[in-house]
Amino acid sequence: MAHVITAACIDVKDGACVQCCPVDCIYEGARTLYIHPDECIDCGVCVSACPTQAIYEEFRLPPGMAHFTTINREFFDAAVSGLGSPGGAADVGPVACDHPAIGRAIAG
Protein backbone atom coordinates (compact mmCIF):
# COMPACT_ATOMS: atom_id res chain seq x y z
CA MET A 1 0.00 0.00 0.00
CA ALA A 2 1.40 3.36 -0.94
CA HIS A 3 -0.89 5.88 0.79
CA VAL A 4 -3.34 5.68 3.67
CA ILE A 5 -6.30 7.86 4.70
CA THR A 6 -6.48 8.47 8.44
CA ALA A 7 -8.80 9.87 11.13
CA ALA A 8 -8.79 13.47 9.89
CA CYS A 9 -11.07 12.42 7.01
CA ILE A 10 -13.78 10.87 9.19
CA ASP A 11 -17.03 12.84 8.81
CA VAL A 12 -15.26 15.37 6.56
CA LYS A 13 -14.74 13.63 3.17
CA ASP A 14 -13.63 16.84 1.43
CA GLY A 15 -13.05 14.97 -1.83
CA ALA A 16 -10.20 17.09 -3.24
CA CYS A 17 -8.07 13.95 -3.26
CA VAL A 18 -10.69 12.07 -5.27
CA GLN A 19 -10.74 14.76 -7.94
CA CYS A 20 -6.96 14.76 -8.43
CA CYS A 21 -6.24 11.02 -8.27
CA PRO A 22 -4.96 9.98 -11.71
CA VAL A 23 -5.93 6.31 -11.24
CA ASP A 24 -9.31 6.73 -9.50
CA CYS A 25 -8.29 4.63 -6.47
CA ILE A 26 -10.00 6.67 -3.72
CA TYR A 27 -13.39 5.28 -2.73
CA GLU A 28 -16.12 6.86 -0.63
CA GLY A 29 -17.51 5.08 2.41
CA ALA A 30 -20.32 6.33 4.62
CA ARG A 31 -18.08 8.40 6.96
CA THR A 32 -14.65 8.49 5.32
CA LEU A 33 -12.67 7.88 2.14
CA TYR A 34 -10.44 4.87 1.49
CA ILE A 35 -7.45 4.33 -0.81
CA HIS A 36 -7.43 0.96 -2.57
CA PRO A 37 -4.00 -0.50 -1.76
CA ASP A 38 -3.70 -2.45 -5.02
CA GLU A 39 -4.78 0.42 -7.27
CA CYS A 40 -2.69 3.26 -5.78
CA ILE A 41 0.40 4.06 -7.88
CA ASP A 42 2.19 6.01 -5.12
CA CYS A 43 2.17 9.31 -7.00
CA GLY A 44 1.46 11.40 -3.87
CA VAL A 45 -0.85 13.90 -5.57
CA CYS A 46 -3.58 13.16 -3.03
CA VAL A 47 -1.32 14.12 -0.12
CA SER A 48 -0.88 17.68 -1.31
CA ALA A 49 -4.56 18.00 -2.30
CA CYS A 50 -5.97 16.96 1.08
CA PRO A 51 -6.98 20.07 3.08
CA THR A 52 -7.31 18.11 6.34
CA GLN A 53 -3.89 16.44 6.05
CA ALA A 54 -5.49 13.02 6.43
CA ILE A 55 -3.36 11.18 3.84
CA TYR A 56 0.10 9.77 4.50
CA GLU A 57 2.55 7.43 2.89
CA GLU A 58 2.23 4.17 4.77
CA PHE A 59 5.76 4.33 6.18
CA ARG A 60 5.25 7.95 7.34
CA LEU A 61 2.08 7.46 9.38
CA PRO A 62 2.06 9.47 12.62
CA PRO A 63 2.34 7.54 15.89
CA GLY A 64 -0.96 5.95 16.81
CA MET A 65 -2.23 5.89 13.21
CA ALA A 66 -0.65 2.62 12.00
CA HIS A 67 -3.99 0.81 12.32
CA PHE A 68 -5.33 2.88 9.40
CA THR A 69 -3.18 0.78 7.06
CA THR A 70 -5.27 -2.24 8.04
CA ILE A 71 -8.52 -0.26 7.93
CA ASN A 72 -7.86 0.95 4.36
CA ARG A 73 -6.89 -2.55 3.20
CA GLU A 74 -9.73 -4.41 4.94
CA PHE A 75 -12.39 -2.02 3.68
CA PHE A 76 -12.06 -3.67 0.28
CA ASP A 77 -12.51 -7.21 1.65
CA ALA A 78 -15.74 -8.86 0.63
CA ALA A 79 -16.80 -9.24 4.26
CA VAL A 80 -16.66 -5.47 4.88
CA SER A 81 -17.79 -3.63 1.75
CA GLY A 82 -18.11 -6.34 -0.88
CA LEU A 83 -16.02 -4.23 -3.27
CA GLY A 84 -13.00 -6.44 -3.78
CA SER A 85 -10.89 -4.85 -6.52
CA PRO A 86 -13.30 -3.01 -8.82
CA GLY A 87 -10.64 -1.11 -10.79
CA GLY A 88 -11.89 2.43 -10.24
CA ALA A 89 -14.04 4.39 -7.83
CA ALA A 90 -16.01 6.43 -10.37
CA ASP A 91 -18.03 3.45 -11.54
CA VAL A 92 -18.72 2.29 -7.98
CA GLY A 93 -19.92 5.54 -6.42
CA PRO A 94 -20.43 6.02 -2.67
CA VAL A 95 -20.66 2.88 -0.55
CA ALA A 96 -23.15 2.94 2.33
CA CYS A 97 -20.81 1.28 4.82
CA ASP A 98 -17.45 1.74 6.50
CA HIS A 99 -14.84 -0.46 8.08
CA PRO A 100 -16.17 -1.46 11.54
CA ALA A 101 -13.38 0.50 13.24
CA ILE A 102 -14.56 3.70 11.51
CA GLY A 103 -18.10 3.14 12.73
CA ARG A 104 -16.74 3.35 16.28
CA ALA A 105 -14.34 6.24 15.63
CA ILE A 106 -14.79 9.79 16.73
CA ALA A 107 -13.36 12.37 14.33
CA GLY A 108 -10.59 14.60 15.52
C-alpha atoms as a PDB file:
ATOM      1  CA  MET A   1       0.000   0.000   0.000  1.00  0.00           C
ATOM      2  CA  ALA A   2       1.402   3.364  -0.940  1.00  0.00           C
ATOM      3  CA  HIS A   3      -0.895   5.882   0.794  1.00  0.00           C
ATOM      4  CA  VAL A   4      -3.340   5.682   3.675  1.00  0.00           C
ATOM      5  CA  ILE A   5      -6.301   7.860   4.695  1.00  0.00           C
ATOM      6  CA  THR A   6      -6.484   8.467   8.444  1.00  0.00           C
ATOM      7  CA  ALA A   7      -8.802   9.871  11.134  1.00  0.00           C
ATOM      8  CA  ALA A   8      -8.795  13.474   9.894  1.00  0.00           C
ATOM      9  CA  CYS A   9     -11.065  12.416   7.010  1.00  0.00           C
ATOM     10  CA  ILE A  10     -13.778  10.873   9.186  1.00  0.00           C
ATOM     11  CA  ASP A  11     -17.025  12.840   8.813  1.00  0.00           C
ATOM     12  CA  VAL A  12     -15.255  15.370   6.562  1.00  0.00           C
ATOM     13  CA  LYS A  13     -14.744  13.630   3.171  1.00  0.00           C
ATOM     14  CA  ASP A  14     -13.633  16.839   1.434  1.00  0.00           C
ATOM     15  CA  GLY A  15     -13.051  14.967  -1.834  1.00  0.00           C
ATOM     16  CA  ALA A  16     -10.201  17.087  -3.236  1.00  0.00           C
ATOM     17  CA  CYS A  17      -8.067  13.945  -3.262  1.00  0.00           C
ATOM     18  CA  VAL A  18     -10.686  12.071  -5.267  1.00  0.00           C
ATOM     19  CA  GLN A  19     -10.740  14.760  -7.940  1.00  0.00           C
ATOM     20  CA  CYS A  20      -6.962  14.763  -8.431  1.00  0.00           C
ATOM     21  CA  CYS A  21      -6.238  11.018  -8.269  1.00  0.00           C
ATOM     22  CA  PRO A  22      -4.960   9.975 -11.712  1.00  0.00           C
ATOM     23  CA  VAL A  23      -5.931   6.314 -11.241  1.00  0.00           C
ATOM     24  CA  ASP A  24      -9.312   6.733  -9.501  1.00  0.00           C
ATOM     25  CA  CYS A  25      -8.294   4.632  -6.472  1.00  0.00           C
ATOM     26  CA  ILE A  26      -9.997   6.667  -3.717  1.00  0.00           C
ATOM     27  CA  TYR A  27     -13.392   5.276  -2.731  1.00  0.00           C
ATOM     28  CA  GLU A  28     -16.117   6.862  -0.628  1.00  0.00           C
ATOM     29  CA  GLY A  29     -17.506   5.082   2.413  1.00  0.00           C
ATOM     30  CA  ALA A  30     -20.317   6.334   4.622  1.00  0.00           C
ATOM     31  CA  ARG A  31     -18.079   8.402   6.960  1.00  0.00           C
ATOM     32  CA  THR A  32     -14.649   8.488   5.320  1.00  0.00           C
ATOM     33  CA  LEU A  33     -12.670   7.877   2.139  1.00  0.00           C
ATOM     34  CA  TYR A  34     -10.435   4.870   1.487  1.00  0.00           C
ATOM     35  CA  ILE A  35      -7.450   4.326  -0.815  1.00  0.00           C
ATOM     36  CA  HIS A  36      -7.431   0.961  -2.569  1.00  0.00           C
ATOM     37  CA  PRO A  37      -4.002  -0.501  -1.763  1.00  0.00           C
ATOM     38  CA  ASP A  38      -3.701  -2.449  -5.021  1.00  0.00           C
ATOM     39  CA  GLU A  39      -4.781   0.417  -7.269  1.00  0.00           C
ATOM     40  CA  CYS A  40      -2.687   3.258  -5.777  1.00  0.00           C
ATOM     41  CA  ILE A  41       0.400   4.060  -7.881  1.00  0.00           C
ATOM     42  CA  ASP A  42       2.191   6.010  -5.121  1.00  0.00           C
ATOM     43  CA  CYS A  43       2.169   9.314  -6.998  1.00  0.00           C
ATOM     44  CA  GLY A  44       1.459  11.401  -3.870  1.00  0.00           C
ATOM     45  CA  VAL A  45      -0.849  13.905  -5.570  1.00  0.00           C
ATOM     46  CA  CYS A  46      -3.583  13.159  -3.026  1.00  0.00           C
ATOM     47  CA  VAL A  47      -1.319  14.117  -0.117  1.00  0.00           C
ATOM     48  CA  SER A  48      -0.882  17.679  -1.310  1.00  0.00           C
ATOM     49  CA  ALA A  49      -4.558  17.998  -2.300  1.00  0.00           C
ATOM     50  CA  CYS A  50      -5.971  16.957   1.078  1.00  0.00           C
ATOM     51  CA  PRO A  51      -6.975  20.070   3.077  1.00  0.00           C
ATOM     52  CA  THR A  52      -7.305  18.113   6.341  1.00  0.00           C
ATOM     53  CA  GLN A  53      -3.888  16.437   6.051  1.00  0.00           C
ATOM     54  CA  ALA A  54      -5.492  13.020   6.428  1.00  0.00           C
ATOM     55  CA  ILE A  55      -3.358  11.182   3.840  1.00  0.00           C
ATOM     56  CA  TYR A  56       0.103   9.770   4.499  1.00  0.00           C
ATOM     57  CA  GLU A  57       2.549   7.433   2.888  1.00  0.00           C
ATOM     58  CA  GLU A  58       2.232   4.166   4.771  1.00  0.00           C
ATOM     59  CA  PHE A  59       5.758   4.325   6.181  1.00  0.00           C
ATOM     60  CA  ARG A  60       5.250   7.948   7.344  1.00  0.00           C
ATOM     61  CA  LEU A  61       2.077   7.458   9.377  1.00  0.00           C
ATOM     62  CA  PRO A  62       2.061   9.468  12.619  1.00  0.00           C
ATOM     63  CA  PRO A  63       2.341   7.542  15.885  1.00  0.00           C
ATOM     64  CA  GLY A  64      -0.957   5.947  16.810  1.00  0.00           C
ATOM     65  CA  MET A  65      -2.225   5.889  13.213  1.00  0.00           C
ATOM     66  CA  ALA A  66      -0.650   2.621  11.997  1.00  0.00           C
ATOM     67  CA  HIS A  67      -3.987   0.806  12.323  1.00  0.00           C
ATOM     68  CA  PHE A  68      -5.331   2.880   9.403  1.00  0.00           C
ATOM     69  CA  THR A  69      -3.184   0.780   7.062  1.00  0.00           C
ATOM     70  CA  THR A  70      -5.270  -2.244   8.041  1.00  0.00           C
ATOM     71  CA  ILE A  71      -8.515  -0.256   7.932  1.00  0.00           C
ATOM     72  CA  ASN A  72      -7.864   0.946   4.360  1.00  0.00           C
ATOM     73  CA  ARG A  73      -6.891  -2.555   3.196  1.00  0.00           C
ATOM     74  CA  GLU A  74      -9.725  -4.415   4.942  1.00  0.00           C
ATOM     75  CA  PHE A  75     -12.392  -2.021   3.678  1.00  0.00           C
ATOM     76  CA  PHE A  76     -12.061  -3.674   0.277  1.00  0.00           C
ATOM     77  CA  ASP A  77     -12.506  -7.210   1.652  1.00  0.00           C
ATOM     78  CA  ALA A  78     -15.744  -8.858   0.627  1.00  0.00           C
ATOM     79  CA  ALA A  79     -16.799  -9.237   4.261  1.00  0.00           C
ATOM     80  CA  VAL A  80     -16.659  -5.466   4.876  1.00  0.00           C
ATOM     81  CA  SER A  81     -17.795  -3.635   1.751  1.00  0.00           C
ATOM     82  CA  GLY A  82     -18.107  -6.338  -0.881  1.00  0.00           C
ATOM     83  CA  LEU A  83     -16.020  -4.230  -3.267  1.00  0.00           C
ATOM     84  CA  GLY A  84     -12.996  -6.437  -3.776  1.00  0.00           C
ATOM     85  CA  SER A  85     -10.891  -4.849  -6.521  1.00  0.00           C
ATOM     86  CA  PRO A  86     -13.299  -3.009  -8.820  1.00  0.00           C
ATOM     87  CA  GLY A  87     -10.642  -1.111 -10.785  1.00  0.00           C
ATOM     88  CA  GLY A  88     -11.888   2.429 -10.235  1.00  0.00           C
ATOM     89  CA  ALA A  89     -14.036   4.387  -7.826  1.00  0.00           C
ATOM     90  CA  ALA A  90     -16.012   6.429 -10.366  1.00  0.00           C
ATOM     91  CA  ASP A  91     -18.034   3.450 -11.543  1.00  0.00           C
ATOM     92  CA  VAL A  92     -18.717   2.291  -7.983  1.00  0.00           C
ATOM     93  CA  GLY A  93     -19.922   5.543  -6.417  1.00  0.00           C
ATOM     94  CA  PRO A  94     -20.433   6.021  -2.669  1.00  0.00           C
ATOM     95  CA  VAL A  95     -20.661   2.876  -0.551  1.00  0.00           C
ATOM     96  CA  ALA A  96     -23.149   2.943   2.329  1.00  0.00           C
ATOM     97  CA  CYS A  97     -20.811   1.280   4.817  1.00  0.00           C
ATOM     98  CA  ASP A  98     -17.449   1.741   6.497  1.00  0.00           C
ATOM     99  CA  HIS A  99     -14.845  -0.457   8.085  1.00  0.00           C
ATOM    100  CA  PRO A 100     -16.175  -1.462  11.537  1.00  0.00           C
ATOM    101  CA  ALA A 101     -13.380   0.502  13.242  1.00  0.00           C
ATOM    102  CA  ILE A 102     -14.556   3.701  11.509  1.00  0.00           C
ATOM    103  CA  GLY A 103     -18.096   3.140  12.734  1.00  0.00           C
ATOM    104  CA  ARG A 104     -16.742   3.347  16.281  1.00  0.00           C
ATOM    105  CA  ALA A 105     -14.337   6.236  15.629  1.00  0.00           C
ATOM    106  CA  ILE A 106     -14.788   9.793  16.726  1.00  0.00           C
ATOM    107  CA  ALA A 107     -13.364  12.366  14.332  1.00  0.00           C
ATOM    108  CA  GLY A 108     -10.588  14.599  15.521  1.00  0.00           C
END
